[in-house]
Amino acid sequence: VFRLAKEKNIHTCLDTSGITFTSDNTEKFDSLMKYTDLVLLDIKHINSSVHKKLTGFANENILSFARYLTEKEIPVWIRHVVVPEYTDREDDLISLGKFLSSMKNLKALDVLPYHDMGIAKYEKLGLDYPLKNVPPLSKENAVKARDTIMQGIRLGLNELHQ
């Protein structure tokens, strides 16, 4: 699909968490990236054990995919949802920023406030919503989290240039 889109000069964008990426077999990703203009990459948590607690999966593949995209110079737009008591710790946000500071291909950073609109979807599917007792995050707190990530980016850049 991406190849056909590019043949017609249509901008292509891959929206992913990167969870399926493995650095030991990049052949399919190499093929896809030839036709990819932008990747929207969700990084749910920088700490692998917390990421696993939150999503059921470790984050090594995701961070490896981010590094791969940097090596391939594919433009990336990072999205991070701030979930109260899960992804809002200052030291984790600083660590995320430091990680992002190494991405020369980073084009944008969206820091999004957690909302509980998924509860109804889970209920209709007869599934337990794992974050049902977590209150939505205010936009003001999302802005504070973004500022903290940006502080981490600045710290990471300073460390790279020392």
C-alpha atoms as a PDB file:
ATOM      1  CA  VAL A   1       0.000   0.000   0.000  1.00  0.00           C
ATOM      2  CA  PHE A   2       2.774   2.456   0.917  1.00  0.00           C
ATOM      3  CA  ARG A   3       4.647   1.719  -2.319  1.00  0.00           C
ATOM      4  CA  LEU A   4       1.504   2.403  -4.363  1.00  0.00           C
ATOM      5  CA  ALA A   5       0.831   5.583  -2.406  1.00  0.00           C
ATOM      6  CA  LYS A   6       4.369   6.864  -3.032  1.00  0.00           C
ATOM      7  CA  GLU A   7       4.023   6.115  -6.755  1.00  0.00           C
ATOM      8  CA  LYS A   8       1.100   8.559  -6.716  1.00  0.00           C
ATOM      9  CA  ASN A   9       3.033  11.126  -4.612  1.00  0.00           C
ATOM     10  CA  ILE A  10       0.818  10.500  -1.586  1.00  0.00           C
ATOM     11  CA  HIS A  11       2.452  11.221   1.778  1.00  0.00           C
ATOM     12  CA  THR A  12       2.751   8.069   3.869  1.00  0.00           C
ATOM     13  CA  CYS A  13       2.644   7.827   7.638  1.00  0.00           C
ATOM     14  CA  LEU A  14       3.011   4.762   9.832  1.00  0.00           C
ATOM     15  CA  ASP A  15       1.177   5.016  13.171  1.00  0.00           C
ATOM     16  CA  THR A  16       2.651   2.422  15.535  1.00  0.00           C
ATOM     17  CA  SER A  17       3.916   1.503  18.960  1.00  0.00           C
ATOM     18  CA  GLY A  18       6.793  -0.351  17.306  1.00  0.00           C
ATOM     19  CA  ILE A  19       6.173  -3.424  19.456  1.00  0.00           C
ATOM     20  CA  THR A  20       6.625  -5.853  16.527  1.00  0.00           C
ATOM     21  CA  PHE A  21      10.086  -4.548  15.624  1.00  0.00           C
ATOM     22  CA  THR A  22      13.068  -6.783  16.299  1.00  0.00           C
ATOM     23  CA  SER A  23      16.580  -5.608  15.517  1.00  0.00           C
ATOM     24  CA  ASP A  24      17.728  -9.089  14.503  1.00  0.00           C
ATOM     25  CA  ASN A  25      15.373  -9.186  11.488  1.00  0.00           C
ATOM     26  CA  THR A  26      14.711  -5.815   9.860  1.00  0.00           C
ATOM     27  CA  GLU A  27      14.129  -6.958   6.276  1.00  0.00           C
ATOM     28  CA  LYS A  28      10.381  -6.197   6.214  1.00  0.00           C
ATOM     29  CA  PHE A  29      10.880  -2.896   8.029  1.00  0.00           C
ATOM     30  CA  ASP A  30      13.693  -1.947   5.634  1.00  0.00           C
ATOM     31  CA  SER A  31      11.295  -2.534   2.743  1.00  0.00           C
ATOM     32  CA  LEU A  32       8.492  -0.526   4.367  1.00  0.00           C
ATOM     33  CA  MET A  33      10.748   2.385   5.347  1.00  0.00           C
ATOM     34  CA  LYS A  34      11.680   2.967   1.676  1.00  0.00           C
ATOM     35  CA  TYR A  35       8.125   4.234   1.238  1.00  0.00           C
ATOM     36  CA  THR A  36       7.516   5.852   4.633  1.00  0.00           C
ATOM     37  CA  ASP A  37       7.582   9.633   5.001  1.00  0.00           C
ATOM     38  CA  LEU A  38       6.775   9.824   8.699  1.00  0.00           C
ATOM     39  CA  VAL A  39       6.369   7.523  11.692  1.00  0.00           C
ATOM     40  CA  LEU A  40       4.041   8.374  14.581  1.00  0.00           C
ATOM     41  CA  LEU A  41       5.608   6.408  17.423  1.00  0.00           C
ATOM     42  CA  ASP A  42       3.919   5.870  20.784  1.00  0.00           C
ATOM     43  CA  ILE A  43       6.289   5.558  23.701  1.00  0.00           C
ATOM     44  CA  LYS A  44       4.097   4.636  26.639  1.00  0.00           C
ATOM     45  CA  HIS A  45       6.892   4.477  29.221  1.00  0.00           C
ATOM     46  CA  ILE A  46      10.671   4.734  29.173  1.00  0.00           C
ATOM     47  CA  ASN A  47      11.141   2.232  32.018  1.00  0.00           C
ATOM     48  CA  SER A  48      10.751  -1.301  30.671  1.00  0.00           C
ATOM     49  CA  SER A  49       9.391  -2.910  33.841  1.00  0.00           C
ATOM     50  CA  VAL A  50       6.780  -0.173  34.317  1.00  0.00           C
ATOM     51  CA  HIS A  51       5.958  -0.375  30.602  1.00  0.00           C
ATOM     52  CA  LYS A  52       5.346  -4.103  31.000  1.00  0.00           C
ATOM     53  CA  LYS A  53       3.124  -3.526  34.048  1.00  0.00           C
ATOM     54  CA  LEU A  54       1.130  -0.930  32.100  1.00  0.00           C
ATOM     55  CA  THR A  55       0.828  -2.707  28.727  1.00  0.00           C
ATOM     56  CA  GLY A  56       1.772  -6.337  29.295  1.00  0.00           C
ATOM     57  CA  PHE A  57       4.918  -5.954  27.157  1.00  0.00           C
ATOM     58  CA  ALA A  58       8.450  -4.704  27.760  1.00  0.00           C
ATOM     59  CA  ASN A  59       9.576  -1.658  25.756  1.00  0.00           C
ATOM     60  CA  GLU A  60      12.894  -2.920  24.331  1.00  0.00           C
ATOM     61  CA  ASN A  61      11.464  -3.454  20.830  1.00  0.00           C
ATOM     62  CA  ILE A  62       9.895   0.005  20.863  1.00  0.00           C
ATOM     63  CA  LEU A  63      13.087   1.785  21.900  1.00  0.00           C
ATOM     64  CA  SER A  64      15.067  -0.348  19.451  1.00  0.00           C
ATOM     65  CA  PHE A  65      12.646   0.719  16.716  1.00  0.00           C
ATOM     66  CA  ALA A  66      13.164   4.376  17.665  1.00  0.00           C
ATOM     67  CA  ARG A  67      16.946   3.896  17.331  1.00  0.00           C
ATOM     68  CA  TYR A  68      16.458   2.113  14.004  1.00  0.00           C
ATOM     69  CA  LEU A  69      14.374   5.034  12.703  1.00  0.00           C
ATOM     70  CA  THR A  70      17.129   7.415  13.787  1.00  0.00           C
ATOM     71  CA  GLU A  71      19.734   5.364  11.897  1.00  0.00           C
ATOM     72  CA  LYS A  72      17.489   5.288   8.802  1.00  0.00           C
ATOM     73  CA  GLU A  73      16.798   9.042   9.167  1.00  0.00           C
ATOM     74  CA  ILE A  74      13.036   8.488   8.995  1.00  0.00           C
ATOM     75  CA  PRO A  75      11.184  11.493  10.447  1.00  0.00           C
ATOM     76  CA  VAL A  76       9.474  10.621  13.737  1.00  0.00           C
ATOM     77  CA  TRP A  77       6.681  12.194  15.717  1.00  0.00           C
ATOM     78  CA  ILE A  78       6.698  10.876  19.298  1.00  0.00           C
ATOM     79  CA  ARG A  79       3.470  10.595  21.254  1.00  0.00           C
ATOM     80  CA  HIS A  80       3.389  10.048  25.009  1.00  0.00           C
ATOM     81  CA  VAL A  81       0.157   9.752  26.987  1.00  0.00           C
ATOM     82  CA  VAL A  82       0.500  10.984  30.554  1.00  0.00           C
ATOM     83  CA  VAL A  83      -1.424   8.648  32.855  1.00  0.00           C
ATOM     84  CA  PRO A  84      -1.614   9.788  36.495  1.00  0.00           C
ATOM     85  CA  GLU A  85       0.458   7.561  38.794  1.00  0.00           C
ATOM     86  CA  TYR A  86       1.742   5.514  35.823  1.00  0.00           C
ATOM     87  CA  THR A  87       3.591   7.736  33.362  1.00  0.00           C
ATOM     88  CA  ASP A  88       3.830  11.059  35.162  1.00  0.00           C
ATOM     89  CA  ARG A  89       6.862  10.619  37.442  1.00  0.00           C
ATOM     90  CA  GLU A  90       9.341  13.438  36.955  1.00  0.00           C
ATOM     91  CA  ASP A  91      12.440  11.214  36.796  1.00  0.00           C
ATOM     92  CA  ASP A  92      10.818   8.995  34.152  1.00  0.00           C
ATOM     93  CA  LEU A  93       9.819  12.021  32.072  1.00  0.00           C
ATOM     94  CA  ILE A  94      13.389  13.357  32.324  1.00  0.00           C
ATOM     95  CA  SER A  95      14.699   9.932  31.230  1.00  0.00           C
ATOM     96  CA  LEU A  96      12.301   9.919  28.284  1.00  0.00           C
ATOM     97  CA  GLY A  97      13.559  13.371  27.293  1.00  0.00           C
ATOM     98  CA  LYS A  98      17.178  12.240  27.520  1.00  0.00           C
ATOM     99  CA  PHE A  99      16.373   9.290  25.273  1.00  0.00           C
ATOM    100  CA  LEU A 100      14.632  11.570  22.767  1.00  0.00           C
ATOM    101  CA  SER A 101      17.619  13.947  22.733  1.00  0.00           C
ATOM    102  CA  SER A 102      19.583  11.367  20.732  1.00  0.00           C
ATOM    103  CA  MET A 103      16.963  11.267  17.961  1.00  0.00           C
ATOM    104  CA  LYS A 104      18.155  13.632  15.222  1.00  0.00           C
ATOM    105  CA  ASN A 105      15.062  12.650  13.246  1.00  0.00           C
ATOM    106  CA  LEU A 106      12.570  13.850  15.894  1.00  0.00           C
ATOM    107  CA  LYS A 107      10.106  16.224  14.231  1.00  0.00           C
ATOM    108  CA  ALA A 108       7.470  16.631  16.939  1.00  0.00           C
ATOM    109  CA  LEU A 109       6.508  15.607  20.443  1.00  0.00           C
ATOM    110  CA  ASP A 110       2.875  15.201  21.486  1.00  0.00           C
ATOM    111  CA  VAL A 111       2.294  14.863  25.207  1.00  0.00           C
ATOM    112  CA  LEU A 112      -1.318  13.884  25.610  1.00  0.00           C
ATOM    113  CA  PRO A 113      -3.444  13.833  28.766  1.00  0.00           C
ATOM    114  CA  TYR A 114      -4.941  10.468  29.686  1.00  0.00           C
ATOM    115  CA  HIS A 115      -8.728  10.293  29.330  1.00  0.00           C
ATOM    116  CA  ASP A 116     -11.201   7.598  30.315  1.00  0.00           C
ATOM    117  CA  MET A 117     -13.213   7.431  27.079  1.00  0.00           C
ATOM    118  CA  GLY A 118     -12.048   3.840  26.541  1.00  0.00           C
ATOM    119  CA  ILE A 119     -14.097   2.555  29.479  1.00  0.00           C
ATOM    120  CA  ALA A 120     -17.331   2.323  27.443  1.00  0.00           C
ATOM    121  CA  LYS A 121     -15.551   0.452  24.636  1.00  0.00           C
ATOM    122  CA  TYR A 122     -14.162  -2.117  27.055  1.00  0.00           C
ATOM    123  CA  GLU A 123     -17.564  -2.535  28.738  1.00  0.00           C
ATOM    124  CA  LYS A 124     -19.256  -3.165  25.364  1.00  0.00           C
ATOM    125  CA  LEU A 125     -16.639  -5.831  24.637  1.00  0.00           C
ATOM    126  CA  GLY A 126     -17.175  -7.393  28.061  1.00  0.00           C
ATOM    127  CA  LEU A 127     -13.593  -6.638  29.082  1.00  0.00           C
ATOM    128  CA  ASP A 128     -12.264  -5.251  32.337  1.00  0.00           C
ATOM    129  CA  TYR A 129     -10.766  -1.785  31.827  1.00  0.00           C
ATOM    130  CA  PRO A 130      -7.416  -1.860  33.659  1.00  0.00           C
ATOM    131  CA  LEU A 131      -7.305   1.913  34.289  1.00  0.00           C
ATOM    132  CA  LYS A 132     -10.971   2.425  35.272  1.00  0.00           C
ATOM    133  CA  ASN A 133     -10.049   3.988  38.634  1.00  0.00           C
ATOM    134  CA  VAL A 134      -7.518   6.395  37.150  1.00  0.00           C
ATOM    135  CA  PRO A 135      -8.817   9.961  36.865  1.00  0.00           C
ATOM    136  CA  PRO A 136      -8.316  11.870  33.597  1.00  0.00           C
ATOM    137  CA  LEU A 137      -5.282  14.170  33.512  1.00  0.00           C
ATOM    138  CA  SER A 138      -5.791  17.906  33.182  1.00  0.00           C
ATOM    139  CA  LYS A 139      -4.363  19.704  30.178  1.00  0.00           C
ATOM    140  CA  GLU A 140      -2.308  21.812  32.582  1.00  0.00           C
ATOM    141  CA  ASN A 141      -0.615  18.709  33.973  1.00  0.00           C
ATOM    142  CA  ALA A 142       0.035  17.446  30.439  1.00  0.00           C
ATOM    143  CA  VAL A 143       1.772  20.759  29.703  1.00  0.00           C
ATOM    144  CA  LYS A 144       3.867  20.355  32.878  1.00  0.00           C
ATOM    145  CA  ALA A 145       4.817  16.830  31.783  1.00  0.00           C
ATOM    146  CA  ARG A 146       5.810  18.131  28.336  1.00  0.00           C
ATOM    147  CA  ASP A 147       7.952  20.819  29.960  1.00  0.00           C
ATOM    148  CA  THR A 148       9.663  18.124  32.044  1.00  0.00           C
ATOM    149  CA  ILE A 149      10.340  15.982  28.960  1.00  0.00           C
ATOM    150  CA  MET A 150      11.745  19.064  27.211  1.00  0.00           C
ATOM    151  CA  GLN A 151      14.001  19.643  30.235  1.00  0.00           C
ATOM    152  CA  GLY A 152      15.250  16.051  29.793  1.00  0.00           C
ATOM    153  CA  ILE A 153      15.904  16.713  26.102  1.00  0.00           C
ATOM    154  CA  ARG A 154      17.981  19.771  26.987  1.00  0.00           C
ATOM    155  CA  LEU A 155      19.900  17.792  29.625  1.00  0.00           C
ATOM    156  CA  GLY A 156      20.523  14.983  27.144  1.00  0.00           C
ATOM    157  CA  LEU A 157      21.752  17.409  24.485  1.00  0.00           C
ATOM    158  CA  ASN A 158      24.078  19.036  26.998  1.00  0.00           C
ATOM    159  CA  GLU A 159      25.493  15.611  27.911  1.00  0.00           C
ATOM    160  CA  LEU A 160      25.999  14.768  24.220  1.00  0.00           C
ATOM    161  CA  HIS A 161      27.958  17.975  23.652  1.00  0.00           C
ATOM    162  CA  GLN A 162      30.253  17.654  26.675  1.00  0.00           C
END
